[in-house]
Amino acid sequence: MAWSMVLLVAAATMMSIAECWEEVPTKGATTGVIRVGGKVLCQDCTEGWNEWVDGQKPIEGCVVSVTCMDERKRITYYGSDKTDKAGEYELTINKYIHGKEIKPEACFTRLVSSPDPICNIPTDFAGGKTGVKLGRPTLVYRDMIKHVLDPFYYTTPMCDEPDTNDDEQQNNY
């Protein structure tokens, strides 16, 4: 009877320790990935309404970046990818880097550059210019979390809104 009580207490203790233990993978372990994907398109405001709404063209060679931060706002991951002929990009991020877990909600994606000589002004449609945080994943499957973002857009210089903030402008005549 005493022996079974000792075993019961030992089992309960081990279970409570196991619940509190957070497993950190060893170096080189593949414990999952975060994938971020989407499209980059050119939207020209000089076209008619129908062409402006439905006539977006994919831009090949645009650079899109993902930046992830830790709880102290330090950069833990930075990566970028170029778009293909269809204007699509996809970045793969290891979920653990240097033994620390990358939290998708602490990552944001933004436009970096466009090789197009005409369509090279980033817009904030879908947050491409300022960056968009990764929210709810589009797909969760085994050790993969996938975020498919809304399309980011570039536009022509003619369509760019001028900065009209008077408080920072100085007239130097």
N, C-alpha and C. Protein backbone atom coordinates (compact mmCIF):
# COMPACT_ATOMS: atom_id res chain seq x y z
N MET A 1 0.83 -1.18 0.00
CA MET A 1 0.00 0.00 0.00
C MET A 1 0.88 1.26 0.00
N ALA A 2 1.89 1.29 0.83
CA ALA A 2 2.77 2.45 0.89
C ALA A 2 3.52 2.64 -0.43
N TRP A 3 3.92 1.53 -1.02
CA TRP A 3 4.64 1.60 -2.29
C TRP A 3 3.76 2.20 -3.38
N SER A 4 2.48 1.87 -3.45
CA SER A 4 1.57 2.43 -4.45
C SER A 4 1.33 3.92 -4.21
N MET A 5 1.31 4.35 -2.96
CA MET A 5 1.15 5.78 -2.65
C MET A 5 2.38 6.57 -3.12
N VAL A 6 3.56 6.00 -2.92
CA VAL A 6 4.79 6.66 -3.36
C VAL A 6 4.78 6.78 -4.88
N LEU A 7 4.39 5.71 -5.58
CA LEU A 7 4.31 5.76 -7.03
C LEU A 7 3.27 6.78 -7.50
N LEU A 8 2.15 6.88 -6.83
CA LEU A 8 1.10 7.83 -7.19
C LEU A 8 1.57 9.27 -7.02
N VAL A 9 2.25 9.57 -5.91
CA VAL A 9 2.79 10.91 -5.68
C VAL A 9 3.87 11.25 -6.70
N ALA A 10 4.73 10.29 -7.02
CA ALA A 10 5.79 10.51 -8.00
C ALA A 10 5.19 10.77 -9.38
N ALA A 11 4.17 10.02 -9.74
CA ALA A 11 3.52 10.22 -11.04
C ALA A 11 2.85 11.59 -11.12
N ALA A 12 2.18 12.00 -10.07
CA ALA A 12 1.52 13.32 -10.04
C ALA A 12 2.55 14.44 -10.14
N THR A 13 3.66 14.29 -9.46
CA THR A 13 4.73 15.29 -9.51
C THR A 13 5.31 15.39 -10.91
N MET A 14 5.56 14.25 -11.53
CA MET A 14 6.12 14.26 -12.90
C MET A 14 5.15 14.88 -13.88
N MET A 15 3.86 14.65 -13.72
CA MET A 15 2.87 15.22 -14.63
C MET A 15 2.80 16.73 -14.48
N SER A 16 2.89 17.24 -13.27
CA SER A 16 2.84 18.69 -13.07
C SER A 16 4.11 19.35 -13.61
N ILE A 17 5.24 18.70 -13.50
CA ILE A 17 6.49 19.23 -14.06
C ILE A 17 6.41 19.22 -15.58
N ALA A 18 5.87 18.17 -16.14
CA ALA A 18 5.77 18.05 -17.60
C ALA A 18 4.85 19.12 -18.17
N GLU A 19 3.80 19.51 -17.45
CA GLU A 19 2.89 20.56 -17.93
C GLU A 19 3.57 21.92 -17.96
N CYS A 20 4.47 22.18 -17.05
CA CYS A 20 5.15 23.47 -16.97
C CYS A 20 6.35 23.57 -17.90
N TRP A 21 6.85 22.46 -18.36
CA TRP A 21 8.06 22.42 -19.16
C TRP A 21 7.78 22.88 -20.58
N GLU A 22 8.48 23.89 -21.05
CA GLU A 22 8.34 24.33 -22.44
C GLU A 22 9.53 23.80 -23.21
N GLU A 23 9.24 22.98 -24.18
CA GLU A 23 10.30 22.34 -24.93
C GLU A 23 10.88 23.31 -25.95
N VAL A 24 12.16 23.53 -25.88
CA VAL A 24 12.87 24.34 -26.85
C VAL A 24 13.68 23.38 -27.70
N PRO A 25 13.50 23.43 -29.00
CA PRO A 25 14.18 22.46 -29.85
C PRO A 25 15.69 22.67 -29.84
N THR A 26 16.39 21.59 -30.10
CA THR A 26 17.84 21.67 -30.18
C THR A 26 18.25 22.30 -31.50
N LYS A 27 19.48 22.68 -31.59
CA LYS A 27 19.98 23.32 -32.80
C LYS A 27 19.85 22.38 -33.99
N GLY A 28 19.29 22.92 -35.08
CA GLY A 28 19.12 22.12 -36.29
C GLY A 28 17.80 21.36 -36.35
N ALA A 29 16.98 21.46 -35.30
CA ALA A 29 15.71 20.74 -35.31
C ALA A 29 14.73 21.45 -36.24
N THR A 30 13.93 20.68 -36.93
CA THR A 30 12.90 21.24 -37.80
C THR A 30 11.57 21.08 -37.09
N THR A 31 11.10 22.13 -36.48
CA THR A 31 9.89 22.06 -35.69
C THR A 31 8.75 22.85 -36.29
N GLY A 32 8.89 23.34 -37.46
CA GLY A 32 7.80 24.07 -38.07
C GLY A 32 8.27 25.31 -38.78
N VAL A 33 7.41 25.77 -39.66
CA VAL A 33 7.72 26.96 -40.43
C VAL A 33 6.51 27.88 -40.49
N ILE A 34 6.79 29.12 -40.76
CA ILE A 34 5.77 30.13 -41.02
C ILE A 34 5.98 30.56 -42.46
N ARG A 35 4.94 30.49 -43.26
CA ARG A 35 5.02 30.92 -44.66
C ARG A 35 4.17 32.16 -44.83
N VAL A 36 4.74 33.13 -45.55
CA VAL A 36 4.04 34.38 -45.84
C VAL A 36 4.04 34.56 -47.35
N GLY A 37 2.88 34.78 -47.92
CA GLY A 37 2.79 34.92 -49.37
C GLY A 37 1.74 35.94 -49.78
N GLY A 38 1.82 36.33 -51.03
CA GLY A 38 0.86 37.29 -51.57
C GLY A 38 1.27 37.72 -52.97
N LYS A 39 0.71 38.84 -53.42
CA LYS A 39 0.98 39.37 -54.75
C LYS A 39 1.32 40.84 -54.66
N VAL A 40 2.05 41.34 -55.68
CA VAL A 40 2.32 42.76 -55.83
C VAL A 40 1.85 43.15 -57.23
N LEU A 41 1.00 44.19 -57.27
CA LEU A 41 0.39 44.61 -58.52
C LEU A 41 0.61 46.09 -58.76
N CYS A 42 0.50 46.50 -60.04
CA CYS A 42 0.57 47.90 -60.42
C CYS A 42 -0.85 48.38 -60.70
N GLN A 43 -1.23 49.49 -60.06
CA GLN A 43 -2.55 50.07 -60.29
C GLN A 43 -2.35 51.50 -60.78
N ASP A 44 -2.75 51.73 -62.02
CA ASP A 44 -2.53 53.01 -62.69
C ASP A 44 -3.80 53.85 -62.63
N CYS A 45 -3.74 55.00 -61.96
CA CYS A 45 -4.92 55.85 -61.80
C CYS A 45 -5.23 56.67 -63.05
N THR A 46 -4.33 56.68 -64.03
CA THR A 46 -4.57 57.47 -65.23
C THR A 46 -5.50 56.76 -66.21
N GLU A 47 -5.79 55.50 -65.95
CA GLU A 47 -6.71 54.74 -66.80
C GLU A 47 -8.15 55.07 -66.41
N GLY A 48 -9.09 54.59 -67.22
CA GLY A 48 -10.51 54.75 -66.90
C GLY A 48 -10.88 53.92 -65.69
N TRP A 49 -12.11 54.11 -65.19
CA TRP A 49 -12.55 53.46 -63.97
C TRP A 49 -12.44 51.94 -64.05
N ASN A 50 -12.95 51.33 -65.13
CA ASN A 50 -12.92 49.87 -65.25
C ASN A 50 -11.50 49.33 -65.29
N GLU A 51 -10.62 50.00 -66.01
CA GLU A 51 -9.23 49.56 -66.07
C GLU A 51 -8.54 49.75 -64.73
N TRP A 52 -8.90 50.82 -64.01
CA TRP A 52 -8.29 51.09 -62.72
C TRP A 52 -8.70 50.03 -61.70
N VAL A 53 -9.97 49.63 -61.74
CA VAL A 53 -10.47 48.65 -60.77
C VAL A 53 -10.05 47.23 -61.13
N ASP A 54 -10.15 46.88 -62.42
CA ASP A 54 -9.91 45.50 -62.83
C ASP A 54 -8.62 45.28 -63.59
N GLY A 55 -7.88 46.33 -63.90
CA GLY A 55 -6.73 46.17 -64.77
C GLY A 55 -5.38 46.18 -64.09
N GLN A 56 -5.30 45.67 -62.86
CA GLN A 56 -4.01 45.63 -62.18
C GLN A 56 -3.09 44.66 -62.90
N LYS A 57 -1.83 45.05 -62.99
CA LYS A 57 -0.84 44.21 -63.66
C LYS A 57 0.19 43.75 -62.63
N PRO A 58 0.56 42.46 -62.66
CA PRO A 58 1.61 42.00 -61.73
C PRO A 58 2.96 42.60 -62.09
N ILE A 59 3.78 42.83 -61.08
CA ILE A 59 5.12 43.38 -61.29
C ILE A 59 6.14 42.32 -60.90
N GLU A 60 7.00 41.97 -61.86
CA GLU A 60 8.06 40.99 -61.60
C GLU A 60 9.27 41.69 -60.99
N GLY A 61 9.87 41.08 -59.97
CA GLY A 61 11.11 41.60 -59.39
C GLY A 61 10.93 42.56 -58.23
N CYS A 62 9.71 42.77 -57.76
CA CYS A 62 9.51 43.62 -56.58
C CYS A 62 10.07 42.91 -55.35
N VAL A 63 10.57 43.69 -54.42
CA VAL A 63 11.10 43.13 -53.18
C VAL A 63 10.09 43.39 -52.06
N VAL A 64 9.73 42.32 -51.37
CA VAL A 64 8.81 42.37 -50.23
C VAL A 64 9.57 41.80 -49.03
N SER A 65 9.43 42.44 -47.87
CA SER A 65 10.18 41.98 -46.70
C SER A 65 9.26 41.60 -45.56
N VAL A 66 9.77 40.72 -44.70
CA VAL A 66 9.10 40.34 -43.45
C VAL A 66 10.08 40.63 -42.32
N THR A 67 9.61 41.35 -41.30
CA THR A 67 10.42 41.66 -40.13
C THR A 67 9.67 41.15 -38.90
N CYS A 68 10.35 40.38 -38.05
CA CYS A 68 9.75 39.86 -36.82
C CYS A 68 10.53 40.42 -35.63
N MET A 69 9.80 40.71 -34.57
CA MET A 69 10.41 41.29 -33.37
C MET A 69 10.07 40.46 -32.15
N ASP A 70 10.89 40.61 -31.11
CA ASP A 70 10.60 39.92 -29.86
C ASP A 70 9.79 40.85 -28.96
N GLU A 71 9.56 40.40 -27.72
CA GLU A 71 8.74 41.19 -26.80
C GLU A 71 9.39 42.51 -26.39
N ARG A 72 10.70 42.65 -26.59
CA ARG A 72 11.40 43.90 -26.28
C ARG A 72 11.59 44.77 -27.52
N LYS A 73 10.89 44.45 -28.61
CA LYS A 73 10.91 45.21 -29.87
C LYS A 73 12.27 45.16 -30.56
N ARG A 74 13.01 44.07 -30.36
CA ARG A 74 14.27 43.86 -31.06
C ARG A 74 14.00 42.96 -32.26
N ILE A 75 14.68 43.22 -33.36
CA ILE A 75 14.48 42.43 -34.56
C ILE A 75 15.09 41.05 -34.36
N THR A 76 14.25 40.02 -34.52
CA THR A 76 14.72 38.65 -34.40
C THR A 76 14.82 37.97 -35.76
N TYR A 77 14.10 38.50 -36.75
CA TYR A 77 14.18 37.93 -38.10
C TYR A 77 13.90 39.03 -39.11
N TYR A 78 14.68 39.03 -40.19
CA TYR A 78 14.42 39.88 -41.35
C TYR A 78 14.70 39.05 -42.59
N GLY A 79 13.76 39.04 -43.50
CA GLY A 79 13.95 38.32 -44.75
C GLY A 79 13.20 39.02 -45.86
N SER A 80 13.63 38.79 -47.09
CA SER A 80 12.94 39.40 -48.22
C SER A 80 12.89 38.42 -49.38
N ASP A 81 11.98 38.70 -50.31
CA ASP A 81 11.81 37.85 -51.48
C ASP A 81 11.43 38.72 -52.65
N LYS A 82 11.80 38.27 -53.86
CA LYS A 82 11.42 38.97 -55.09
C LYS A 82 10.21 38.27 -55.69
N THR A 83 9.35 39.06 -56.32
CA THR A 83 8.17 38.50 -56.95
C THR A 83 8.53 37.83 -58.27
N ASP A 84 7.73 36.85 -58.66
CA ASP A 84 7.93 36.16 -59.93
C ASP A 84 7.12 36.86 -61.03
N LYS A 85 6.99 36.22 -62.21
CA LYS A 85 6.28 36.83 -63.33
C LYS A 85 4.82 37.10 -63.03
N ALA A 86 4.22 36.31 -62.15
CA ALA A 86 2.82 36.49 -61.76
C ALA A 86 2.67 37.52 -60.64
N GLY A 87 3.80 38.13 -60.20
CA GLY A 87 3.76 39.11 -59.12
C GLY A 87 3.64 38.48 -57.75
N GLU A 88 3.90 37.19 -57.64
CA GLU A 88 3.72 36.49 -56.37
C GLU A 88 5.05 36.32 -55.63
N TYR A 89 4.97 36.36 -54.31
CA TYR A 89 6.13 36.14 -53.44
C TYR A 89 5.74 35.14 -52.37
N GLU A 90 6.72 34.46 -51.81
CA GLU A 90 6.49 33.57 -50.68
C GLU A 90 7.79 33.44 -49.88
N LEU A 91 7.70 33.78 -48.61
CA LEU A 91 8.84 33.65 -47.71
C LEU A 91 8.58 32.53 -46.73
N THR A 92 9.62 31.78 -46.42
CA THR A 92 9.53 30.71 -45.44
C THR A 92 10.43 31.07 -44.27
N ILE A 93 9.85 31.07 -43.08
CA ILE A 93 10.56 31.46 -41.86
C ILE A 93 10.56 30.25 -40.92
N ASN A 94 11.72 29.86 -40.42
CA ASN A 94 11.78 28.81 -39.40
C ASN A 94 11.12 29.33 -38.13
N LYS A 95 10.31 28.50 -37.50
CA LYS A 95 9.58 28.94 -36.31
C LYS A 95 10.50 29.18 -35.12
N TYR A 96 11.65 28.52 -35.11
CA TYR A 96 12.64 28.73 -34.05
C TYR A 96 13.95 29.20 -34.67
N ILE A 97 14.45 30.33 -34.19
CA ILE A 97 15.73 30.86 -34.64
C ILE A 97 16.59 31.11 -33.40
N HIS A 98 17.75 30.48 -33.37
CA HIS A 98 18.68 30.57 -32.23
C HIS A 98 18.00 30.16 -30.93
N GLY A 99 17.12 29.16 -31.00
CA GLY A 99 16.46 28.66 -29.80
C GLY A 99 15.27 29.47 -29.34
N LYS A 100 14.95 30.56 -30.02
CA LYS A 100 13.81 31.39 -29.63
C LYS A 100 12.69 31.23 -30.64
N GLU A 101 11.47 31.18 -30.12
CA GLU A 101 10.31 31.01 -30.99
C GLU A 101 9.93 32.33 -31.65
N ILE A 102 9.69 32.28 -32.95
CA ILE A 102 9.20 33.44 -33.69
C ILE A 102 7.68 33.45 -33.56
N LYS A 103 7.14 34.55 -33.08
CA LYS A 103 5.70 34.70 -32.94
C LYS A 103 5.16 35.41 -34.17
N PRO A 104 4.28 34.78 -34.95
CA PRO A 104 3.77 35.41 -36.17
C PRO A 104 3.08 36.74 -35.93
N GLU A 105 2.43 36.89 -34.78
CA GLU A 105 1.73 38.15 -34.49
C GLU A 105 2.70 39.31 -34.25
N ALA A 106 3.98 39.02 -34.08
CA ALA A 106 4.99 40.07 -33.90
C ALA A 106 5.76 40.32 -35.20
N CYS A 107 5.24 39.84 -36.32
CA CYS A 107 5.88 40.02 -37.62
C CYS A 107 5.03 40.95 -38.49
N PHE A 108 5.71 41.71 -39.35
CA PHE A 108 4.96 42.50 -40.32
C PHE A 108 5.65 42.43 -41.68
N THR A 109 4.84 42.61 -42.72
CA THR A 109 5.28 42.51 -44.10
C THR A 109 5.06 43.85 -44.77
N ARG A 110 6.02 44.25 -45.63
CA ARG A 110 5.87 45.53 -46.32
C ARG A 110 6.60 45.50 -47.66
N LEU A 111 6.26 46.48 -48.49
CA LEU A 111 6.94 46.66 -49.77
C LEU A 111 8.30 47.30 -49.54
N VAL A 112 9.29 46.90 -50.33
CA VAL A 112 10.63 47.48 -50.23
C VAL A 112 10.97 48.25 -51.49
N SER A 113 10.87 47.61 -52.66
CA SER A 113 11.24 48.30 -53.90
C SER A 113 10.55 47.67 -55.10
N SER A 114 10.48 48.47 -56.17
CA SER A 114 9.92 48.00 -57.43
C SER A 114 10.91 48.30 -58.55
N PRO A 115 11.17 47.33 -59.43
CA PRO A 115 12.10 47.57 -60.54
C PRO A 115 11.42 48.26 -61.73
N ASP A 116 10.10 48.39 -61.68
CA ASP A 116 9.36 48.97 -62.79
C ASP A 116 9.67 50.47 -62.88
N PRO A 117 10.12 50.97 -64.03
CA PRO A 117 10.47 52.39 -64.14
C PRO A 117 9.26 53.32 -64.08
N ILE A 118 8.08 52.81 -64.34
CA ILE A 118 6.87 53.65 -64.34
C ILE A 118 6.06 53.45 -63.07
N CYS A 119 5.87 52.22 -62.67
CA CYS A 119 5.01 51.89 -61.52
C CYS A 119 5.90 51.58 -60.32
N ASN A 120 6.36 52.63 -59.62
CA ASN A 120 7.33 52.42 -58.55
C ASN A 120 7.05 53.21 -57.27
N ILE A 121 5.83 53.73 -57.13
CA ILE A 121 5.45 54.46 -55.92
C ILE A 121 4.60 53.52 -55.06
N PRO A 122 5.09 53.13 -53.86
CA PRO A 122 4.30 52.22 -53.02
C PRO A 122 3.04 52.91 -52.48
N THR A 123 1.95 52.17 -52.42
CA THR A 123 0.71 52.69 -51.86
C THR A 123 0.42 51.99 -50.54
N ASP A 124 -0.55 52.50 -49.82
CA ASP A 124 -0.94 51.86 -48.58
C ASP A 124 -2.22 51.04 -48.74
N PHE A 125 -2.60 50.73 -49.99
CA PHE A 125 -3.70 49.78 -50.19
C PHE A 125 -3.24 48.47 -49.56
N ALA A 126 -4.00 47.95 -48.65
CA ALA A 126 -3.69 46.70 -47.93
C ALA A 126 -2.43 46.82 -47.07
N GLY A 127 -1.95 48.04 -46.80
CA GLY A 127 -0.85 48.24 -45.87
C GLY A 127 0.54 48.01 -46.41
N GLY A 128 0.73 47.99 -47.72
CA GLY A 128 2.03 47.69 -48.29
C GLY A 128 3.11 48.70 -47.98
N LYS A 129 2.76 49.98 -47.89
CA LYS A 129 3.76 51.03 -47.66
C LYS A 129 4.21 51.07 -46.20
N THR A 130 3.27 51.03 -45.27
CA THR A 130 3.61 51.13 -43.85
C THR A 130 3.86 49.77 -43.21
N GLY A 131 3.35 48.72 -43.83
CA GLY A 131 3.53 47.37 -43.30
C GLY A 131 2.25 46.84 -42.70
N VAL A 132 2.05 45.55 -42.85
CA VAL A 132 0.85 44.90 -42.31
C VAL A 132 1.29 43.77 -41.38
N LYS A 133 0.68 43.72 -40.20
CA LYS A 133 1.00 42.66 -39.24
C LYS A 133 0.35 41.36 -39.68
N LEU A 134 1.02 40.28 -39.37
CA LEU A 134 0.44 38.97 -39.67
C LEU A 134 -0.65 38.70 -38.64
N GLY A 135 -1.85 38.50 -39.11
CA GLY A 135 -2.97 38.26 -38.22
C GLY A 135 -3.32 36.79 -38.17
N ARG A 136 -4.57 36.52 -38.38
CA ARG A 136 -5.06 35.15 -38.37
C ARG A 136 -4.50 34.38 -39.56
N PRO A 137 -3.95 33.21 -39.34
CA PRO A 137 -3.37 32.45 -40.46
C PRO A 137 -4.45 31.98 -41.43
N THR A 138 -4.06 31.85 -42.69
CA THR A 138 -4.95 31.34 -43.72
C THR A 138 -5.03 29.83 -43.65
N LEU A 139 -3.91 29.20 -43.29
CA LEU A 139 -3.84 27.74 -43.26
C LEU A 139 -2.93 27.31 -42.11
N VAL A 140 -3.38 26.32 -41.34
CA VAL A 140 -2.55 25.70 -40.31
C VAL A 140 -2.58 24.21 -40.59
N TYR A 141 -1.41 23.64 -40.87
CA TYR A 141 -1.33 22.21 -41.18
C TYR A 141 -0.06 21.64 -40.58
N ARG A 142 -0.23 20.74 -39.65
CA ARG A 142 0.88 20.09 -38.94
C ARG A 142 1.85 21.12 -38.40
N ASP A 143 3.08 21.18 -38.93
CA ASP A 143 4.08 22.13 -38.43
C ASP A 143 4.21 23.36 -39.30
N MET A 144 3.16 23.68 -40.08
CA MET A 144 3.23 24.84 -40.97
C MET A 144 2.07 25.80 -40.68
N ILE A 145 2.40 27.07 -40.60
CA ILE A 145 1.41 28.13 -40.48
C ILE A 145 1.57 29.01 -41.71
N LYS A 146 0.49 29.20 -42.49
CA LYS A 146 0.59 29.98 -43.72
C LYS A 146 -0.30 31.21 -43.63
N HIS A 147 0.29 32.35 -44.03
CA HIS A 147 -0.43 33.62 -44.10
C HIS A 147 -0.43 34.07 -45.56
N VAL A 148 -1.60 34.14 -46.18
CA VAL A 148 -1.72 34.69 -47.53
C VAL A 148 -2.33 36.08 -47.37
N LEU A 149 -1.54 37.10 -47.74
CA LEU A 149 -1.95 38.48 -47.53
C LEU A 149 -2.68 39.02 -48.75
N ASP A 150 -3.46 40.08 -48.53
CA ASP A 150 -4.10 40.78 -49.64
C ASP A 150 -3.02 41.38 -50.54
N PRO A 151 -3.33 41.64 -51.80
CA PRO A 151 -2.30 42.19 -52.71
C PRO A 151 -1.81 43.56 -52.25
N PHE A 152 -0.51 43.79 -52.45
CA PHE A 152 0.09 45.10 -52.27
C PHE A 152 0.13 45.78 -53.63
N TYR A 153 0.12 47.13 -53.62
CA TYR A 153 0.06 47.86 -54.88
C TYR A 153 1.14 48.93 -54.96
N TYR A 154 1.69 49.07 -56.16
CA TYR A 154 2.49 50.22 -56.54
C TYR A 154 1.65 51.03 -57.52
N THR A 155 1.98 52.30 -57.67
CA THR A 155 1.29 53.15 -58.63
C THR A 155 2.31 54.03 -59.34
N THR A 156 1.85 54.84 -60.26
CA THR A 156 2.73 55.73 -61.02
C THR A 156 2.95 57.03 -60.25
N PRO A 157 4.03 57.77 -60.54
CA PRO A 157 4.26 59.04 -59.84
C PRO A 157 3.12 60.04 -60.03
N MET A 158 2.43 59.97 -61.15
CA MET A 158 1.32 60.88 -61.41
C MET A 158 0.17 60.66 -60.42
N CYS A 159 0.04 59.45 -59.90
CA CYS A 159 -1.05 59.10 -58.99
C CYS A 159 -0.70 59.32 -57.52
N ASP A 160 0.55 59.65 -57.24
CA ASP A 160 1.00 59.81 -55.87
C ASP A 160 0.39 61.06 -55.26
N GLU A 161 -0.14 60.92 -54.02
CA GLU A 161 -0.69 62.08 -53.33
C GLU A 161 0.44 62.91 -52.74
N PRO A 162 0.43 64.22 -52.96
CA PRO A 162 1.49 65.05 -52.37
C PRO A 162 1.29 65.19 -50.87
N ASP A 163 2.38 65.39 -50.16
CA ASP A 163 2.32 65.60 -48.72
C ASP A 163 1.90 67.04 -48.47
N THR A 164 0.76 67.21 -47.79
CA THR A 164 0.22 68.56 -47.56
C THR A 164 0.30 68.99 -46.11
N ASN A 165 1.20 68.40 -45.34
CA ASN A 165 1.37 68.80 -43.94
C ASN A 165 2.08 70.14 -43.88
N ASP A 166 1.37 71.17 -43.39
CA ASP A 166 1.95 72.51 -43.28
C ASP A 166 2.86 72.65 -42.07
N ASP A 167 2.65 71.86 -41.05
CA ASP A 167 3.42 72.03 -39.82
C ASP A 167 4.90 71.66 -39.96
N GLU A 168 5.26 70.88 -40.95
CA GLU A 168 6.68 70.53 -41.11
C GLU A 168 7.32 71.24 -42.29
N GLN A 169 6.54 71.94 -43.10
CA GLN A 169 7.10 72.62 -44.27
C GLN A 169 7.72 73.96 -43.86
N GLN A 170 8.82 74.28 -44.49
CA GLN A 170 9.44 75.57 -44.24
C GLN A 170 9.66 76.25 -45.59
N ASN A 171 9.34 77.51 -45.62
CA ASN A 171 9.56 78.27 -46.85
C ASN A 171 10.92 78.95 -46.78
N ASN A 172 11.82 78.51 -47.60
CA ASN A 172 13.14 79.09 -47.67
C ASN A 172 13.27 79.84 -48.98
N TYR A 173 13.03 81.12 -48.92
CA TYR A 173 13.12 81.96 -50.14
C TYR A 173 14.42 82.68 -50.19
